[in-house]
Amino acid sequence: MGPPGPSTAALTYQRSSESFVPFGPVVPGSNATAIKTGATRPILNCFADAMLASLIAVFLVIATGWALKVRGIVSPTHWLGVERLTYQVLFPAVVIHTLAVADLSRLPVLAMGASLVISILVVASLLLASRPLLARAGVGGPAFTSIFQGSVRWNTFVALAMAAGLNGRDGTTLMAIAVAAMIPLLNVMCVLVLARYANGRPMGAAATIKSIAFNPFIWSSALGLILNQFQAYLPAAITTYVDIMGRAALGVGLLVVGASLDLRSLARPRLAHCVAIVLKLVVMPVLAWTIARQFGVSGPALTMTVVAAAVPTATAAYFLARDLGGDAPLMAEITTLQTLLALATLPLAVLFLI
């Protein structure tokens, strides 16, 4: 009996330690290529199962964090320390290690980064253009800043966890590219919008530059890209050390996301909630997918682009709103609603757009 034909091999998937990996005539790691080779439905179902399993696992960890907070197993003061550890140490370790050891020459760095940046700029422009209409609808300046943050910012913790679950190390590398492209722009825009429309004391130019330069995701991205140029000379002990630190980030980060949710603060969705939800969970992923396709992005890179655009807003947006005079309670409500709704919208975005 001869070797199996392409359609038979295309059906075969093996469960690796990091992701579902197609083999045979299919290009490894490319979901789009696999689907085009024939036997579309079984392969699509396999990818859907992998994505749903990854998403459920992510939200179970988030729910565990919420339960730990509600039950008082971890005190509020301890959560602050855990959040600071995750934000300042563990997640930067993931970004540094991922970018330092990655082979960026084989990845669509510019196309993927440009797709996400343009998507953010389009949504931001739509919001700023609609500011007079929202004001006439009763949305004040501080509330507008929360809508803005809720519409453009992204939860890096959830995105990196989803990327690792779907595509393993390659997924994490692709998501690190999104971090490097999106975080600097988002920090600048959100600070400027809060300075313009919030009731707090405007942040000066020096303070703005300092907040951007010392943002852990920004300096870790820069350091990882610099080390990438010297990866052949990096001591194994150092790369292993950073890798070990980073391995704790995803689980702990998702627990922090869960602990930040306040289900008691949820009210009946108002205009402000609906605008932020639709723009972030629907418009942003569709825009990112459309632009990425125009730039020739495909396969796992396209999947990660959609995931980066479709995850809920960042929990850190609440603290920025609180510190700079935005509507912090509204920001907390938007964050909680988006996080809960993303359980449904994330798989829909990936399955319908990829």
Protein backbone atom coordinates (compact mmCIF):
# COMPACT_ATOMS: atom_id res chain seq x y z
CA MET A 1 0.00 0.00 0.00
CA GLY A 2 1.40 3.39 -0.96
CA PRO A 3 1.76 6.42 1.30
CA PRO A 4 -1.41 8.29 2.23
CA GLY A 5 -2.51 11.03 -0.12
CA PRO A 6 -2.63 14.70 0.83
CA SER A 7 -6.23 14.59 2.03
CA THR A 8 -5.46 11.75 4.46
CA ALA A 9 -2.34 13.38 5.82
CA ALA A 10 -4.07 16.70 6.13
CA LEU A 11 -6.56 15.10 8.49
CA THR A 12 -3.86 13.93 10.87
CA TYR A 13 -3.10 16.05 13.89
CA GLN A 14 -0.87 15.26 16.80
CA ARG A 15 -1.05 16.84 20.23
CA SER A 16 2.36 18.34 20.97
CA SER A 17 3.47 19.83 24.26
CA GLU A 18 2.54 23.29 23.05
CA SER A 19 -0.22 23.17 20.42
CA PHE A 20 -2.01 21.13 17.79
CA VAL A 21 0.52 20.70 15.01
CA PRO A 22 -0.50 19.60 11.50
CA PHE A 23 1.92 17.45 9.56
CA GLY A 24 2.21 15.78 6.17
CA PRO A 25 1.91 18.14 3.20
CA VAL A 26 0.52 20.90 5.43
CA VAL A 27 2.86 23.71 6.44
CA PRO A 28 3.48 23.27 10.19
CA GLY A 29 1.65 25.76 12.34
CA SER A 30 -0.37 27.27 9.49
CA ASN A 31 -4.06 26.85 10.17
CA ALA A 32 -5.02 28.74 7.02
CA THR A 33 -2.86 26.47 4.86
CA ALA A 34 -4.27 23.35 6.50
CA ILE A 35 -7.83 24.41 5.85
CA LYS A 36 -7.12 25.03 2.16
CA THR A 37 -5.60 21.58 1.54
CA GLY A 38 -8.90 19.72 1.66
CA ALA A 39 -10.96 17.98 4.34
CA THR A 40 -11.82 21.45 5.60
CA ARG A 41 -14.44 20.51 8.16
CA PRO A 42 -12.43 18.01 10.29
CA ILE A 43 -9.40 20.31 10.38
CA LEU A 44 -11.52 23.35 11.20
CA ASN A 45 -13.20 21.37 13.96
CA CYS A 46 -9.80 20.37 15.34
CA PHE A 47 -8.62 23.98 15.39
CA ALA A 48 -11.92 25.06 16.95
CA ASP A 49 -11.53 22.43 19.67
CA ALA A 50 -7.99 23.60 20.41
CA MET A 51 -9.06 27.24 20.55
CA LEU A 52 -12.09 26.53 22.72
CA ALA A 53 -10.02 24.40 25.12
CA SER A 54 -7.43 27.19 25.38
CA LEU A 55 -10.11 29.84 25.92
CA ILE A 56 -11.94 27.82 28.58
CA ALA A 57 -8.67 27.19 30.41
CA VAL A 58 -7.87 30.92 30.37
CA PHE A 59 -11.26 31.88 31.76
CA LEU A 60 -11.16 29.14 34.40
CA VAL A 61 -7.94 30.65 35.74
CA ILE A 62 -9.57 34.11 35.67
CA ALA A 63 -12.57 32.71 37.56
CA THR A 64 -10.20 31.15 40.11
CA GLY A 65 -8.62 34.56 40.73
CA TRP A 66 -12.06 36.08 41.27
CA ALA A 67 -13.02 33.27 43.66
CA LEU A 68 -9.80 33.65 45.64
CA LYS A 69 -10.56 37.36 46.12
CA VAL A 70 -14.23 36.85 47.00
CA ARG A 71 -13.43 34.10 49.51
CA GLY A 72 -10.71 36.23 51.08
CA ILE A 73 -8.08 33.51 50.61
CA VAL A 74 -5.76 36.22 49.33
CA SER A 75 -6.18 39.60 51.01
CA PRO A 76 -6.61 42.83 48.98
CA THR A 77 -3.21 44.13 50.08
CA HIS A 78 -1.55 40.92 48.92
CA TRP A 79 -3.30 41.19 45.54
CA LEU A 80 -1.67 44.59 45.06
CA GLY A 81 1.74 43.03 45.61
CA VAL A 82 0.99 40.13 43.27
CA GLU A 83 -0.20 42.54 40.59
CA ARG A 84 2.91 44.66 40.93
CA LEU A 85 5.16 41.56 40.77
CA THR A 86 3.39 40.33 37.63
CA TYR A 87 3.40 43.71 35.89
CA GLN A 88 6.93 44.77 36.81
CA VAL A 89 8.83 41.45 36.75
CA LEU A 90 7.09 38.34 35.42
CA PHE A 91 5.53 39.61 32.21
CA PRO A 92 8.60 41.62 31.20
CA ALA A 93 10.53 38.34 31.56
CA VAL A 94 8.16 36.68 29.07
CA VAL A 95 8.56 39.50 26.55
CA ILE A 96 12.35 39.72 26.93
CA HIS A 97 12.94 35.98 26.58
CA THR A 98 10.47 35.55 23.72
CA LEU A 99 11.90 38.38 21.62
CA ALA A 100 15.54 37.65 22.51
CA VAL A 101 15.52 34.05 21.25
CA ALA A 102 13.02 34.41 18.38
CA ASP A 103 13.91 34.15 14.71
CA LEU A 104 12.21 37.39 13.70
CA SER A 105 13.44 37.14 10.11
CA ARG A 106 10.77 34.51 9.32
CA LEU A 107 7.89 36.44 10.90
CA PRO A 108 5.76 39.24 9.37
CA VAL A 109 6.88 41.76 11.98
CA LEU A 110 6.14 44.95 10.04
CA ALA A 111 2.90 43.77 8.43
CA MET A 112 1.44 42.42 11.68
CA GLY A 113 2.54 45.44 13.72
CA ALA A 114 1.23 47.90 11.11
CA SER A 115 -2.14 46.13 10.95
CA LEU A 116 -2.67 46.52 14.69
CA VAL A 117 -1.40 50.10 14.83
CA ILE A 118 -3.65 51.21 11.97
CA SER A 119 -6.65 49.49 13.57
CA ILE A 120 -6.04 51.35 16.82
CA LEU A 121 -5.68 54.68 15.00
CA VAL A 122 -8.92 54.13 13.06
CA VAL A 123 -10.95 53.33 16.19
CA ALA A 124 -9.37 56.24 18.07
CA SER A 125 -10.19 58.60 15.21
CA LEU A 126 -13.80 57.39 15.13
CA LEU A 127 -14.15 58.06 18.84
CA LEU A 128 -12.60 61.52 18.71
CA ALA A 129 -14.76 62.44 15.71
CA SER A 130 -17.89 61.28 17.57
CA ARG A 131 -17.03 63.18 20.75
CA PRO A 132 -19.58 65.99 20.07
CA LEU A 133 -22.35 63.44 19.47
CA LEU A 134 -21.50 61.56 22.67
CA ALA A 135 -21.45 64.85 24.59
CA ARG A 136 -24.96 65.68 23.35
CA ALA A 137 -26.02 62.19 24.50
CA GLY A 138 -24.89 63.03 28.03
CA VAL A 139 -21.44 61.44 28.03
CA GLY A 140 -19.14 63.78 29.96
CA GLY A 141 -15.39 64.20 29.57
CA PRO A 142 -14.31 61.68 32.25
CA ALA A 143 -16.79 59.09 30.93
CA PHE A 144 -15.46 59.66 27.40
CA THR A 145 -11.93 58.83 28.56
CA SER A 146 -13.16 55.50 29.93
CA ILE A 147 -14.94 54.73 26.65
CA PHE A 148 -11.72 55.58 24.83
CA GLN A 149 -9.55 53.34 26.99
CA GLY A 150 -12.13 50.57 26.85
CA SER A 151 -12.22 50.73 23.05
CA VAL A 152 -8.51 50.72 22.21
CA ARG A 153 -6.54 49.11 25.06
CA TRP A 154 -6.03 45.35 25.29
CA ASN A 155 -5.47 42.82 28.05
CA THR A 156 -1.94 41.59 27.40
CA PHE A 157 -2.26 38.87 30.05
CA VAL A 158 -5.21 37.24 28.27
CA ALA A 159 -3.67 37.71 24.82
CA LEU A 160 -0.36 36.06 25.74
CA ALA A 161 -2.13 33.17 27.46
CA MET A 162 -4.35 32.60 24.42
CA ALA A 163 -1.34 32.81 22.09
CA ALA A 164 0.60 30.23 24.10
CA GLY A 165 -2.41 27.89 24.20
CA LEU A 166 -3.09 28.11 20.47
CA ASN A 167 0.40 28.16 18.96
CA GLY A 168 2.88 27.52 21.76
CA ARG A 169 6.24 29.30 21.51
CA ASP A 170 5.47 30.66 18.02
CA GLY A 171 2.22 32.14 19.29
CA THR A 172 3.97 33.83 22.20
CA THR A 173 6.58 35.26 19.83
CA LEU A 174 3.91 36.65 17.50
CA MET A 175 2.07 38.18 20.46
CA ALA A 176 5.29 39.76 21.67
CA ILE A 177 5.44 41.53 18.30
CA ALA A 178 1.96 42.89 19.02
CA VAL A 179 3.17 44.08 22.44
CA ALA A 180 6.08 45.96 20.87
CA ALA A 181 3.82 47.56 18.25
CA MET A 182 0.78 48.49 20.35
CA ILE A 183 1.88 49.35 23.89
CA PRO A 184 3.89 52.55 23.18
CA LEU A 185 1.14 54.00 20.97
CA LEU A 186 -1.64 53.10 23.41
CA ASN A 187 0.15 54.61 26.39
CA VAL A 188 0.75 57.90 24.60
CA MET A 189 -2.80 58.16 23.26
CA CYS A 190 -4.55 57.27 26.52
CA VAL A 191 -2.49 59.71 28.58
CA LEU A 192 -3.14 62.51 26.07
CA VAL A 193 -6.90 61.83 25.97
CA LEU A 194 -7.09 61.79 29.77
CA ALA A 195 -5.10 65.01 29.95
CA ARG A 196 -7.53 66.64 27.49
CA TYR A 197 -10.92 65.38 28.68
CA ALA A 198 -10.60 64.16 32.31
CA ASN A 199 -11.09 66.24 35.44
CA GLY A 200 -7.74 65.42 36.99
CA ARG A 201 -4.54 67.41 36.92
CA PRO A 202 -3.03 67.13 33.42
CA MET A 203 0.19 65.15 33.23
CA GLY A 204 3.13 67.29 32.11
CA ALA A 205 5.38 66.48 29.19
CA ALA A 206 8.21 65.19 31.41
CA ALA A 207 5.87 62.98 33.42
CA THR A 208 4.29 61.63 30.23
CA ILE A 209 7.67 60.73 28.74
CA LYS A 210 8.73 59.10 32.02
CA SER A 211 5.53 57.03 32.26
CA ILE A 212 6.07 55.76 28.71
CA ALA A 213 9.80 55.05 29.07
CA PHE A 214 9.35 53.16 32.34
CA ASN A 215 6.34 51.15 31.22
CA PRO A 216 7.45 47.51 31.76
CA PHE A 217 6.09 46.32 28.43
CA ILE A 218 7.91 49.07 26.55
CA TRP A 219 11.35 48.69 28.08
CA SER A 220 11.12 44.89 28.04
CA SER A 221 10.22 44.96 24.32
CA ALA A 222 13.16 47.25 23.59
CA LEU A 223 15.55 45.09 25.62
CA GLY A 224 14.31 41.89 23.99
CA LEU A 225 14.78 43.32 20.49
CA ILE A 226 18.30 44.49 21.37
CA LEU A 227 19.25 41.09 22.82
CA ASN A 228 17.84 39.43 19.71
CA GLN A 229 20.73 40.90 17.73
CA PHE A 230 23.19 39.10 20.02
CA GLN A 231 21.28 35.89 20.71
CA ALA A 232 24.19 33.69 19.59
CA TYR A 233 26.28 35.14 22.42
CA LEU A 234 23.68 35.02 25.19
CA PRO A 235 24.75 32.73 28.08
CA ALA A 236 22.45 29.73 28.47
CA ALA A 237 22.22 30.35 32.22
CA ILE A 238 20.83 33.85 31.64
CA THR A 239 18.26 32.84 29.02
CA THR A 240 17.14 29.92 31.21
CA TYR A 241 16.84 32.23 34.22
CA VAL A 242 14.63 34.69 32.32
CA ASP A 243 12.58 31.81 30.88
CA ILE A 244 11.93 30.37 34.35
CA MET A 245 10.80 33.79 35.61
CA GLY A 246 8.50 34.19 32.65
CA ARG A 247 6.84 30.79 33.04
CA ALA A 248 5.09 32.04 36.17
CA ALA A 249 3.63 35.04 34.37
CA LEU A 250 0.65 33.61 32.50
CA GLY A 251 -1.02 31.82 35.40
CA VAL A 252 -0.37 34.55 37.95
CA GLY A 253 -1.34 37.27 35.47
CA LEU A 254 -4.70 35.65 34.78
CA LEU A 255 -5.35 35.26 38.50
CA VAL A 256 -4.75 39.01 38.84
CA VAL A 257 -7.23 39.69 36.03
CA GLY A 258 -9.85 37.66 37.87
CA ALA A 259 -9.15 39.38 41.17
CA SER A 260 -9.68 42.78 39.52
CA LEU A 261 -13.24 41.95 38.44
CA ASP A 262 -16.05 43.44 40.51
CA LEU A 263 -19.32 41.78 39.55
CA ARG A 264 -21.22 43.84 42.12
CA SER A 265 -20.42 47.02 40.18
CA LEU A 266 -22.24 45.84 37.08
CA ALA A 267 -25.21 47.95 36.14
CA ARG A 268 -27.64 47.78 33.25
CA PRO A 269 -25.50 48.54 30.18
CA ARG A 270 -25.71 52.18 29.15
CA LEU A 271 -24.56 53.96 26.00
CA ALA A 272 -21.02 54.25 27.33
CA HIS A 273 -20.79 50.51 27.99
CA CYS A 274 -22.27 49.58 24.62
CA VAL A 275 -19.97 51.86 22.60
CA ALA A 276 -16.83 50.48 24.27
CA ILE A 277 -18.02 46.86 23.94
CA VAL A 278 -18.93 47.10 20.25
CA LEU A 279 -15.78 48.98 19.26
CA LYS A 280 -13.39 46.73 21.20
CA LEU A 281 -14.93 43.28 20.79
CA VAL A 282 -16.43 43.63 17.29
CA VAL A 283 -15.05 46.55 15.28
CA MET A 284 -11.41 46.24 16.33
CA PRO A 285 -10.92 42.56 15.39
CA VAL A 286 -12.74 43.00 12.07
CA LEU A 287 -10.57 46.02 11.24
CA ALA A 288 -7.37 44.23 12.22
CA TRP A 289 -8.30 41.16 10.14
CA THR A 290 -9.19 43.27 7.09
CA ILE A 291 -5.99 45.33 7.20
CA ALA A 292 -3.79 42.32 7.95
CA ARG A 293 -5.21 40.44 4.96
CA GLN A 294 -4.43 43.43 2.76
CA PHE A 295 -0.84 43.34 4.02
CA GLY A 296 -0.55 39.63 3.19
CA VAL A 297 -0.59 38.35 6.79
CA SER A 298 -1.82 34.73 7.01
CA GLY A 299 -1.64 31.55 9.09
CA PRO A 300 -0.76 31.79 12.79
CA ALA A 301 0.27 35.45 12.38
CA LEU A 302 -3.25 36.32 11.21
CA THR A 303 -4.75 34.33 14.09
CA MET A 304 -2.60 36.18 16.62
CA THR A 305 -3.47 39.53 15.03
CA VAL A 306 -7.17 38.81 15.50
CA VAL A 307 -6.65 37.56 19.07
CA ALA A 308 -4.64 40.69 19.97
CA ALA A 309 -7.43 42.88 18.62
CA ALA A 310 -10.31 40.85 20.10
CA VAL A 311 -9.25 40.46 23.76
CA PRO A 312 -10.97 42.69 26.34
CA THR A 313 -9.51 45.95 27.55
CA ALA A 314 -6.65 46.13 30.04
CA THR A 315 -7.36 46.04 33.77
CA ALA A 316 -4.60 48.66 34.16
CA ALA A 317 -6.96 51.15 32.47
CA TYR A 318 -8.82 51.46 35.79
CA PHE A 319 -5.72 52.68 37.62
CA LEU A 320 -4.88 55.21 34.91
CA ALA A 321 -8.47 56.51 35.02
CA ARG A 322 -8.33 56.77 38.80
CA ASP A 323 -4.97 58.54 38.86
CA LEU A 324 -5.65 61.03 36.04
CA GLY A 325 -9.24 62.03 36.80
CA GLY A 326 -11.16 59.70 34.49
CA ASP A 327 -14.38 57.90 35.35
CA ALA A 328 -12.83 54.99 37.29
CA PRO A 329 -16.13 53.27 38.27
CA LEU A 330 -17.27 53.27 34.64
CA MET A 331 -13.86 51.94 33.61
CA ALA A 332 -14.24 49.06 36.07
CA GLU A 333 -17.70 48.25 34.71
CA ILE A 334 -16.49 48.28 31.08
CA THR A 335 -13.54 46.04 31.96
CA THR A 336 -15.73 43.51 33.76
CA LEU A 337 -18.41 43.43 31.06
CA GLN A 338 -15.86 43.02 28.26
CA THR A 339 -14.00 40.26 30.10
CA LEU A 340 -17.22 38.29 30.61
CA LEU A 341 -18.48 38.85 27.05
CA ALA A 342 -15.11 37.93 25.54
CA LEU A 343 -15.79 34.32 26.49
CA ALA A 344 -18.28 34.35 23.60
CA THR A 345 -16.86 36.98 21.26
CA LEU A 346 -13.25 35.74 21.18
CA PRO A 347 -13.98 32.32 19.67
CA LEU A 348 -16.51 33.87 17.29
CA ALA A 349 -13.96 36.41 16.09
CA VAL A 350 -11.27 33.78 15.49
CA LEU A 351 -13.54 31.18 13.88
CA PHE A 352 -15.42 33.56 11.60
CA LEU A 353 -12.44 35.68 10.55
CA ILE A 354 -9.63 33.10 10.21
